[in-house]
Structures are given as structure tokens and as C-alpha cells.
Amino acid sequence: MSLVLQLADEADAPRIVEIERLAYASNPLNPILFPGPFPPEATAARAEGLVKQLHEDPTVRWMKVLDTETGEVAAFAKWNIIKEPRERSRARQFGPGCNVEACEEFFGGIHRKRNELMGGKAYCLLDLLQTDPKYQGRGAGGMLIKWGLDIADELHLPAYLESSPVAHNLYQKFGFRDIDKTTLNPKWNYGSADASIYFMRREAK
């Protein structure tokens, strides 16, 4: 199969949400953060929320990797190209089906730490990177990472992201280095699962 990098647009939103669901299905924290049940409109609402960001935030760039043989989107990335310092970002709201307390600790904590580390700075943020599991290991994620890093280097800006343990080694291969780390409170009883989030930065080259 041949994978190519392309701009994504709002027509891709339903597939993006599907990839997100598939990519995180095996995450051991999912039953804690998103125990469900979810209302029937939850998937459409997530897609609408992403499209709203695309239209309202001029820093947002959507990229996709397409399988040219099937026409299917294999992977997706949302980069924010923040050329000028801006207001601190706000954490998302958590609706029905979410463990609001755990999500606020986990995702809210991520946003607070992002504001602490990068607030008031110009930088390129890799906010979302998701690959359909059947395409993993074929280089799709790397294509999406490199796209944003090339822009960061052009603009002489650092790149920044938050990484799960699963993706940590991949980001290190692209020059990202840990600048902080946090872990979900053990009170949520996730057993031996690694509930860490790495805050990573790569300087412009």
C-alpha cells in the first residue's frame, strides 16, 4: 500500500473520530477515564467540536495520511502553529460517559502543566496524533510528526507535545526530550498500567 501526506478538512472529521476511538481502545486507562455509557450523539458531538476548533482557531492545522489504494485515512494529526504568544489554553469539558473527576485530574492537569511550561511562548504544538491500529508500524505517524517539525524549523520555533508511555520512544527518535512528567493518582486503581504523561520539547534545528 502507498501512504501519502495530505491536508485534512472537515469532511474527514467522522473518520478522525473513528481513528481516535480505535487508537485508544486498548489504552488501559480508558475504562477509568471513559467508563460510559455514552449517548448516541457523542461521536457526532466530538466531530463537531473538532471542526469548530478548525474554523475558530487560526493556529490549527489538520494533516492526514491517506492509503491511496483504499482511499482510507490511516492517521491524523492536529498541529497548532503558534507564531505569537497567546492566551492560556483551556481544558476541554467532559460530558456524559466520562469520569469527570478523573478526566479533570488527568486532562486538566495536562493543560495546566502545558500553560506552566509553554504559556506566553511561540511554539508548534502537536496536540493530537492518532493512527488506526491496522496501519501502525508503517511510518504514518512519523510523516505527520515530520510535517510539523519542518514548519517549526522554518519558523525557528520549538515544538512541544504531551506523550503517553506508548508513543514516548517514537517522539524521542524525532528529537523530543522530556521536560516534565506527571502520573494519574493511584486511587483510580489502574493496577500495573503505566499512567504517566511525558511533557516533551524539541528545539528548532
Protein backbone atom coordinates (compact mmCIF):
# COMPACT_ATOMS: atom_id res chain seq x y z
CA MET A 1 0.00 0.00 0.00
CA SER A 2 1.10 3.57 -0.64
CA LEU A 3 0.72 6.18 2.09
CA VAL A 4 0.69 9.87 1.22
CA LEU A 5 0.54 13.01 3.33
CA GLN A 6 -2.33 15.42 2.66
CA LEU A 7 -4.20 18.31 4.22
CA ALA A 8 -7.31 17.17 6.09
CA ASP A 9 -10.56 19.10 6.24
CA GLU A 10 -13.92 18.95 7.96
CA ALA A 11 -15.15 16.17 5.67
CA ASP A 12 -12.57 13.95 7.38
CA ALA A 13 -13.94 14.63 10.88
CA PRO A 14 -16.07 11.44 11.21
CA ARG A 15 -13.10 9.28 10.20
CA ILE A 16 -10.82 11.23 12.54
CA VAL A 17 -13.13 10.45 15.46
CA GLU A 18 -13.25 6.79 14.41
CA ILE A 19 -9.43 6.62 14.33
CA GLU A 20 -9.31 8.25 17.76
CA ARG A 21 -11.67 5.59 19.14
CA LEU A 22 -9.70 2.73 17.55
CA ALA A 23 -6.31 4.12 18.59
CA TYR A 24 -7.26 4.45 22.24
CA ALA A 25 -9.39 1.30 22.53
CA SER A 26 -6.54 -0.68 24.09
CA ASN A 27 -5.42 2.08 26.46
CA PRO A 28 -5.65 0.63 29.99
CA LEU A 29 -6.82 4.00 31.35
CA ASN A 30 -9.86 4.12 29.07
CA PRO A 31 -12.18 2.23 31.45
CA ILE A 32 -11.25 4.69 34.19
CA LEU A 33 -11.44 7.93 32.20
CA PHE A 34 -14.30 6.96 29.89
CA PRO A 35 -16.40 4.26 31.60
CA GLY A 36 -19.57 5.12 29.62
CA PRO A 37 -22.29 4.69 28.70
CA PHE A 38 -22.16 7.38 26.03
CA PRO A 39 -25.22 8.98 24.45
CA PRO A 40 -25.88 8.19 20.76
CA GLU A 41 -24.86 11.70 19.72
CA ALA A 42 -21.43 11.57 21.43
CA THR A 43 -19.48 10.67 18.28
CA ALA A 44 -21.10 13.41 16.21
CA ALA A 45 -20.57 15.91 19.02
CA ARG A 46 -16.84 15.08 19.17
CA ALA A 47 -16.54 15.57 15.39
CA GLU A 48 -18.43 18.88 15.60
CA GLY A 49 -16.13 20.06 18.39
CA LEU A 50 -13.03 19.34 16.33
CA VAL A 51 -14.47 21.14 13.30
CA LYS A 52 -15.36 24.12 15.49
CA GLN A 53 -11.71 24.34 16.59
CA LEU A 54 -10.55 24.13 12.99
CA HIS A 55 -12.77 27.05 11.97
CA GLU A 56 -12.29 29.25 15.03
CA ASP A 57 -8.60 28.81 15.87
CA PRO A 58 -6.31 30.21 13.13
CA THR A 59 -3.32 28.30 14.54
CA VAL A 60 -4.90 24.87 13.87
CA ARG A 61 -3.58 22.72 11.03
CA TRP A 62 -5.07 19.32 10.20
CA MET A 63 -2.98 16.75 8.34
CA LYS A 64 -3.79 13.20 7.36
CA VAL A 65 -2.02 10.20 5.88
CA LEU A 66 -4.06 8.55 3.15
CA ASP A 67 -3.85 4.98 1.90
CA THR A 68 -4.01 5.60 -1.85
CA GLU A 69 -5.05 2.01 -2.59
CA THR A 70 -8.20 2.11 -0.49
CA GLY A 71 -8.77 5.86 -0.15
CA GLU A 72 -8.92 5.39 3.62
CA VAL A 73 -7.41 7.83 6.11
CA ALA A 74 -4.77 5.88 8.02
CA ALA A 75 -3.62 8.53 10.52
CA PHE A 76 -4.34 12.08 11.58
CA ALA A 77 -2.54 14.93 13.33
CA LYS A 78 -3.63 18.26 14.69
CA TRP A 79 -0.82 20.79 14.95
CA ASN A 80 -1.12 24.31 16.34
CA ILE A 81 1.37 26.71 14.77
CA ILE A 82 1.54 29.39 17.44
CA LYS A 83 3.68 32.14 15.92
CA GLU A 84 2.86 34.69 18.61
CA PRO A 85 2.23 34.16 22.32
CA ARG A 86 -1.48 33.90 23.07
CA GLU A 87 -3.88 33.46 25.96
CA ARG A 88 -3.50 30.35 28.04
CA SER A 89 -5.34 27.31 26.67
CA ARG A 90 -8.36 25.94 28.46
CA ALA A 91 -9.08 22.31 29.21
CA ARG A 92 -11.97 20.63 27.41
CA GLN A 93 -15.31 19.97 29.03
CA PHE A 94 -16.23 16.39 29.92
CA GLY A 95 -19.70 15.15 29.09
CA PRO A 96 -21.84 12.08 29.75
CA GLY A 97 -19.93 8.81 29.81
CA CYS A 98 -16.76 10.40 31.20
CA ASN A 99 -15.41 10.06 34.72
CA VAL A 100 -15.37 13.82 35.20
CA GLU A 101 -13.20 13.77 38.33
CA ALA A 102 -10.54 11.52 36.77
CA CYS A 103 -10.63 13.40 33.45
CA GLU A 104 -10.24 16.73 35.21
CA GLU A 105 -7.24 15.40 37.13
CA PHE A 106 -5.65 13.83 34.05
CA PHE A 107 -6.51 16.10 31.10
CA GLY A 108 -6.99 19.20 33.22
CA GLY A 109 -3.60 18.55 34.77
CA ILE A 110 -2.08 18.23 31.29
CA HIS A 111 -3.47 21.61 30.25
CA ARG A 112 -2.35 23.30 33.45
CA LYS A 113 1.17 21.94 33.01
CA ARG A 114 1.17 22.99 29.33
CA ASN A 115 0.29 26.53 30.36
CA GLU A 116 3.02 26.46 33.01
CA LEU A 117 5.69 25.21 30.60
CA MET A 118 4.71 26.96 27.34
CA GLY A 119 2.25 29.70 28.24
CA GLY A 120 3.25 33.07 26.76
CA LYS A 121 5.60 31.44 24.23
CA ALA A 122 5.58 30.99 20.47
CA TYR A 123 5.88 27.31 19.56
CA CYS A 124 4.45 24.47 17.47
CA LEU A 125 2.14 22.18 19.40
CA LEU A 126 1.44 18.61 18.35
CA ASP A 127 -1.95 18.42 20.03
CA LEU A 128 -3.30 15.19 18.51
CA LEU A 129 -1.62 12.29 16.71
CA GLN A 130 -3.61 9.13 16.08
CA THR A 131 -3.11 6.13 13.81
CA ASP A 132 -5.60 3.39 13.01
CA PRO A 133 -4.04 0.29 14.64
CA LYS A 134 -4.08 -1.64 11.36
CA TYR A 135 -1.69 0.97 9.90
CA GLN A 136 0.65 1.22 12.89
CA GLY A 137 4.30 0.50 12.21
CA ARG A 138 4.11 1.71 8.60
CA GLY A 139 5.52 5.21 9.14
CA ALA A 140 2.28 7.19 9.06
CA GLY A 141 2.87 8.77 12.47
CA GLY A 142 6.41 9.74 11.52
CA MET A 143 5.17 11.50 8.38
CA LEU A 144 2.78 13.60 10.46
CA ILE A 145 5.42 14.43 13.06
CA LYS A 146 7.99 15.45 10.44
CA TRP A 147 5.48 17.74 8.72
CA GLY A 148 5.11 19.87 11.84
CA LEU A 149 8.79 19.77 12.74
CA ASP A 150 9.72 21.08 9.30
CA ILE A 151 7.45 24.07 9.92
CA ALA A 152 8.88 24.57 13.41
CA ASP A 153 12.41 24.61 11.97
CA GLU A 154 11.37 27.03 9.21
CA LEU A 155 9.96 29.40 11.83
CA HIS A 156 12.83 28.77 14.29
CA LEU A 157 10.33 27.69 16.94
CA PRO A 158 10.44 24.87 19.47
CA ALA A 159 7.95 22.02 19.15
CA TYR A 160 6.05 20.69 22.14
CA LEU A 161 3.74 17.77 22.95
CA GLU A 162 2.42 15.54 25.70
CA SER A 163 3.14 11.83 25.25
CA SER A 164 1.73 8.60 26.56
CA PRO A 165 4.24 5.87 27.51
CA VAL A 166 3.38 4.01 24.27
CA ALA A 167 4.46 6.87 21.99
CA HIS A 168 7.35 8.09 24.14
CA ASN A 169 10.12 6.30 22.25
CA LEU A 170 8.78 7.43 18.88
CA TYR A 171 8.90 11.08 19.87
CA GLN A 172 12.40 10.69 21.27
CA LYS A 173 13.53 9.46 17.84
CA PHE A 174 12.39 12.78 16.40
CA GLY A 175 14.42 14.79 18.89
CA PHE A 176 11.85 15.46 21.61
CA ARG A 177 13.18 15.44 25.16
CA ASP A 178 11.34 15.19 28.47
CA ILE A 179 10.92 18.44 30.36
CA ASP A 180 8.40 17.17 32.94
CA LYS A 181 6.23 14.20 33.83
CA THR A 182 3.01 13.51 35.72
CA THR A 183 1.11 10.38 36.72
CA LEU A 184 -2.57 9.76 37.41
CA ASN A 185 -3.35 9.26 41.08
CA PRO A 186 -3.21 5.54 42.05
CA LYS A 187 -6.56 5.96 43.82
CA TRP A 188 -8.13 5.22 40.42
CA ASN A 189 -6.98 1.62 40.73
CA TYR A 190 -5.36 1.15 37.33
CA GLY A 191 -3.16 -1.66 38.62
CA SER A 192 0.15 -2.17 36.84
CA ALA A 193 -0.75 0.10 33.89
CA ASP A 194 1.61 3.00 33.26
CA ALA A 195 -0.49 6.12 33.87
CA SER A 196 2.31 8.56 33.10
CA ILE A 197 2.25 11.53 30.75
CA TYR A 198 5.53 12.96 29.47
CA PHE A 199 5.84 16.64 28.63
CA MET A 200 8.30 16.88 25.76
CA ARG A 201 10.02 19.68 23.86
CA ARG A 202 12.22 19.75 20.79
CA GLU A 203 14.32 22.80 19.94
CA ALA A 204 14.35 24.20 16.40
CA LYS A 205 17.13 22.97 14.13
